[in-house]
N, C-alpha and C. Protein backbone atom coordinates (compact mmCIF):
# COMPACT_ATOMS: atom_id res chain seq x y z
N MET A 1 9.60 8.26 17.28
CA MET A 1 7.60 7.27 16.49
C MET A 1 9.53 6.00 15.77
N LEU A 2 8.47 4.65 15.93
CA LEU A 2 9.41 4.30 14.45
C LEU A 2 9.20 4.83 12.73
N LYS A 3 9.59 5.13 12.00
CA LYS A 3 8.91 5.73 10.19
C LYS A 3 8.69 4.34 9.77
N LEU A 4 7.55 4.20 9.38
CA LEU A 4 7.02 2.83 8.90
C LEU A 4 7.63 3.53 6.95
N LYS A 5 8.08 2.11 6.59
CA LYS A 5 8.69 2.16 5.70
C LYS A 5 8.38 1.09 4.34
N ILE A 6 7.97 1.83 3.28
CA ILE A 6 7.12 0.67 1.86
C ILE A 6 8.58 -0.85 2.39
N LYS A 7 7.58 -1.91 1.75
CA LYS A 7 8.21 -2.89 1.21
C LYS A 7 8.01 -3.69 0.48
N VAL A 8 8.86 -4.37 -0.44
CA VAL A 8 8.50 -5.48 -1.11
C VAL A 8 8.13 -6.90 -0.21
N GLY A 9 6.18 -7.34 -0.99
CA GLY A 9 5.26 -8.28 -0.05
C GLY A 9 4.62 -8.23 1.31
N CYS A 10 4.93 -7.07 1.50
CA CYS A 10 3.83 -6.69 2.82
C CYS A 10 3.00 -5.80 2.65
N TYR A 11 1.74 -6.08 4.02
CA TYR A 11 0.22 -5.98 3.67
C TYR A 11 0.80 -4.35 3.66
N TYR A 12 -0.55 -3.61 3.51
CA TYR A 12 -1.31 -2.30 4.43
C TYR A 12 -1.78 -1.83 4.23
N ALA A 13 -2.96 -0.62 4.93
CA ALA A 13 -4.25 -0.29 4.86
C ALA A 13 -3.81 0.54 4.96
N PHE A 14 -5.18 1.53 3.45
CA PHE A 14 -5.17 3.00 4.05
C PHE A 14 -6.25 3.48 3.96
N ALA A 15 -6.33 4.44 4.75
CA ALA A 15 -7.83 4.54 5.35
C ALA A 15 -7.92 5.68 3.87
N LEU A 16 -8.76 6.43 3.60
CA LEU A 16 -9.75 7.04 2.30
C LEU A 16 -10.03 8.41 3.41
N ARG A 17 -10.17 9.14 2.86
CA ARG A 17 -10.55 10.33 4.18
C ARG A 17 -12.19 10.42 4.18
N ASN A 18 -12.76 9.68 4.19
CA ASN A 18 -13.72 8.98 4.54
C ASN A 18 -14.37 7.60 5.35
N ASP A 19 -13.10 7.82 5.81
CA ASP A 19 -13.59 6.71 7.12
C ASP A 19 -13.85 4.87 5.93
N HIS A 20 -12.74 4.99 4.96
CA HIS A 20 -12.83 3.89 4.24
C HIS A 20 -11.98 3.21 3.71
N THR A 21 -11.97 1.70 4.28
CA THR A 21 -10.74 1.11 4.43
C THR A 21 -10.33 1.08 2.74
N ILE A 22 -9.03 0.24 2.09
CA ILE A 22 -8.20 -0.13 1.52
C ILE A 22 -6.95 -0.94 1.73
N ALA A 23 -7.31 -1.94 1.71
CA ALA A 23 -5.75 -3.50 2.07
C ALA A 23 -4.76 -3.15 0.05
N PHE A 24 -4.30 -3.11 0.60
CA PHE A 24 -3.03 -3.92 -0.61
C PHE A 24 -2.46 -4.22 -0.56
N ALA A 25 -1.42 -4.91 -0.91
CA ALA A 25 0.23 -5.74 -1.21
C ALA A 25 1.15 -5.09 -2.08
N VAL A 26 2.06 -4.46 -1.30
CA VAL A 26 2.93 -4.62 -2.06
C VAL A 26 3.63 -5.68 -2.90
N LEU A 27 3.94 -5.15 -4.83
CA LEU A 27 4.18 -6.76 -5.99
C LEU A 27 4.99 -6.90 -5.28
N TYR A 28 5.97 -5.19 -6.74
CA TYR A 28 7.38 -5.18 -6.22
C TYR A 28 7.74 -3.60 -6.99
N GLY A 29 9.08 -3.72 -6.86
CA GLY A 29 9.51 -2.65 -7.32
C GLY A 29 11.23 -1.76 -8.46
N PHE A 30 10.63 -0.84 -8.73
CA PHE A 30 12.28 -1.23 -9.07
C PHE A 30 13.20 0.56 -8.81
N GLU A 31 14.55 -0.20 -8.40
CA GLU A 31 16.25 0.84 -7.41
C GLU A 31 16.40 1.51 -8.88
N ARG A 32 16.69 1.09 -9.30
CA ARG A 32 17.23 1.35 -10.79
C ARG A 32 16.22 2.00 -12.02
N GLY A 33 17.16 2.96 -12.93
CA GLY A 33 16.10 3.60 -13.98
C GLY A 33 15.02 4.19 -13.65
N LYS A 34 14.27 4.27 -14.84
CA LYS A 34 13.44 5.17 -15.37
C LYS A 34 12.75 5.40 -14.48
N ASN A 35 12.21 3.84 -14.44
CA ASN A 35 10.80 3.60 -12.98
C ASN A 35 11.68 3.32 -12.09
N LYS A 36 12.42 4.20 -11.23
CA LYS A 36 13.37 3.85 -10.67
C LYS A 36 12.24 4.54 -9.55
N ASP A 37 12.82 3.27 -7.88
CA ASP A 37 10.93 4.41 -7.02
C ASP A 37 9.62 4.25 -7.24
N VAL A 38 9.31 3.87 -7.71
CA VAL A 38 8.26 3.43 -8.09
C VAL A 38 7.77 2.32 -7.70
N LEU A 39 6.30 1.70 -6.99
CA LEU A 39 6.82 0.69 -6.46
C LEU A 39 5.17 0.11 -7.42
N THR A 40 3.86 -1.54 -7.75
CA THR A 40 3.20 -1.28 -8.09
C THR A 40 2.06 -2.11 -6.57
N LEU A 41 0.94 -1.71 -6.19
CA LEU A 41 0.51 -2.11 -5.38
C LEU A 41 -0.64 -2.70 -6.37
N ARG A 42 -1.14 -4.18 -5.34
CA ARG A 42 -2.31 -4.67 -5.93
C ARG A 42 -3.32 -4.35 -4.98
N MET A 43 -4.33 -3.79 -4.48
CA MET A 43 -5.27 -2.73 -3.56
C MET A 43 -6.73 -3.71 -4.92
N TYR A 44 -6.95 -3.95 -3.00
CA TYR A 44 -8.08 -4.97 -3.16
C TYR A 44 -9.09 -4.21 -2.32
N THR A 45 -10.60 -4.34 -3.22
CA THR A 45 -11.84 -2.95 -2.46
C THR A 45 -12.93 -4.62 -3.15
N GLY A 46 -13.73 -4.34 -2.90
CA GLY A 46 -15.53 -5.23 -2.16
C GLY A 46 -15.91 -5.43 -3.51
N THR A 47 -15.11 -4.41 -4.68
CA THR A 47 -15.44 -5.13 -6.54
C THR A 47 -14.66 -5.42 -6.94
N GLY A 48 -13.10 -5.65 -6.35
CA GLY A 48 -12.70 -6.74 -7.60
C GLY A 48 -11.23 -5.85 -6.67
N ASP A 49 -9.93 -6.26 -7.37
CA ASP A 49 -8.85 -5.64 -7.61
C ASP A 49 -8.49 -5.71 -8.10
N PHE A 50 -7.10 -4.52 -8.06
CA PHE A 50 -6.74 -3.48 -9.58
C PHE A 50 -4.83 -3.59 -9.45
N GLU A 51 -4.04 -3.66 -10.23
CA GLU A 51 -2.56 -3.23 -9.46
C GLU A 51 -2.79 -1.28 -9.67
N PHE A 52 -1.81 -0.58 -9.20
CA PHE A 52 -1.53 1.07 -9.49
C PHE A 52 -0.22 1.44 -8.18
N PRO A 53 0.13 1.72 -9.56
CA PRO A 53 1.69 2.40 -10.25
C PRO A 53 1.21 3.57 -8.31
N ILE A 54 2.14 2.89 -7.41
CA ILE A 54 3.18 4.57 -6.31
C ILE A 54 4.13 4.80 -6.72
N GLU A 55 5.06 5.97 -6.05
CA GLU A 55 5.78 6.35 -6.19
C GLU A 55 6.17 6.08 -4.37
N GLU A 56 7.21 6.42 -4.35
CA GLU A 56 8.05 5.62 -3.14
C GLU A 56 7.04 7.04 -1.75
N SER A 57 7.36 8.01 -2.01
CA SER A 57 7.32 9.62 -1.63
C SER A 57 6.27 9.38 -1.28
N THR A 58 5.24 9.06 -2.29
CA THR A 58 3.83 9.81 -2.12
C THR A 58 3.18 8.37 -0.49
N PHE A 59 3.81 7.12 -0.93
CA PHE A 59 3.42 5.94 0.06
C PHE A 59 4.76 7.06 1.62
N ASP A 60 5.31 7.64 1.61
CA ASP A 60 5.93 8.17 2.94
C ASP A 60 5.42 9.71 3.11
N ARG A 61 4.04 9.86 1.87
CA ARG A 61 3.89 11.52 2.37
C ARG A 61 2.28 10.57 3.41
N TRP A 62 2.03 9.49 2.83
CA TRP A 62 0.86 8.49 3.49
C TRP A 62 1.21 8.53 4.38
N ALA A 63 2.58 7.72 5.33
CA ALA A 63 2.73 6.96 6.48
C ALA A 63 3.12 8.54 7.63
N ARG A 64 3.01 9.91 6.40
CA ARG A 64 3.35 11.25 7.64
C ARG A 64 1.97 11.64 8.02
N GLU A 65 1.02 11.72 7.62
CA GLU A 65 -0.33 11.67 8.22
C GLU A 65 -1.04 10.48 8.31
N ARG A 66 -0.51 9.34 8.24
CA ARG A 66 -0.56 8.48 9.14
C ARG A 66 -2.41 8.01 8.48
N ARG A 67 -2.35 7.22 7.54
CA ARG A 67 -3.39 7.58 6.88
C ARG A 67 -3.18 5.21 6.71
N ILE A 68 -1.43 5.32 7.18
CA ILE A 68 -1.39 3.67 6.78
C ILE A 68 -0.40 2.88 7.46
N ARG A 69 -1.31 1.64 7.70
CA ARG A 69 -0.07 1.11 7.82
C ARG A 69 0.02 -0.54 8.12
N GLU A 70 0.54 -1.10 8.72
CA GLU A 70 1.30 -2.20 8.22
C GLU A 70 0.08 -3.22 8.55
N ILE A 71 -0.54 -4.60 7.99
CA ILE A 71 -1.91 -5.09 7.93
C ILE A 71 -0.82 -6.47 8.09
N SER A 72 -1.53 -7.83 8.60
CA SER A 72 -1.20 -8.72 8.30
C SER A 72 -1.54 -10.19 7.05
N PRO A 73 -0.93 -10.41 6.16
CA PRO A 73 -2.01 -11.38 5.08
C PRO A 73 -4.00 -11.87 5.63
N GLU A 74 -3.47 -12.09 6.74
CA GLU A 74 -5.31 -12.75 6.99
C GLU A 74 -5.69 -11.23 6.86
N GLU A 75 -5.38 -10.34 7.10
CA GLU A 75 -6.93 -9.24 7.40
C GLU A 75 -6.83 -8.32 6.21
N ALA A 76 -5.06 -8.66 5.69
CA ALA A 76 -5.64 -8.65 3.87
C ALA A 76 -6.82 -9.06 3.18
N LEU A 77 -7.44 -11.05 4.10
CA LEU A 77 -7.49 -11.84 2.95
C LEU A 77 -9.23 -10.79 3.29
N GLU A 78 -9.68 -10.16 4.52
CA GLU A 78 -10.42 -9.88 4.70
C GLU A 78 -10.71 -8.78 4.71
N TYR A 79 -10.25 -8.26 4.46
CA TYR A 79 -10.64 -6.99 3.90
C TYR A 79 -10.82 -7.30 2.45
N ALA A 80 -10.73 -8.07 1.10
CA ALA A 80 -10.85 -8.06 0.54
C ALA A 80 -11.91 -9.53 0.21
N MET A 81 -12.65 -10.12 1.39
CA MET A 81 -13.80 -11.17 0.98
C MET A 81 -14.92 -9.83 1.52
């Protein structure tokens, strides 16, 4: 099985435990310094959008739990609308 890695500029769908899905985009991340391995997500919900910091280890855990998948920009737009 191919391991899902987080990438800046990509879109993902995150499945919550109550079968609700939230789409998000990875805006930017830091490879060095105090915030190493911290990325900023832009999450899209039915009521708006917001920025959310995440550590790469958290994304990896979500991927191992199969709660996250990469989606196209068109799919992300559908979630946002």
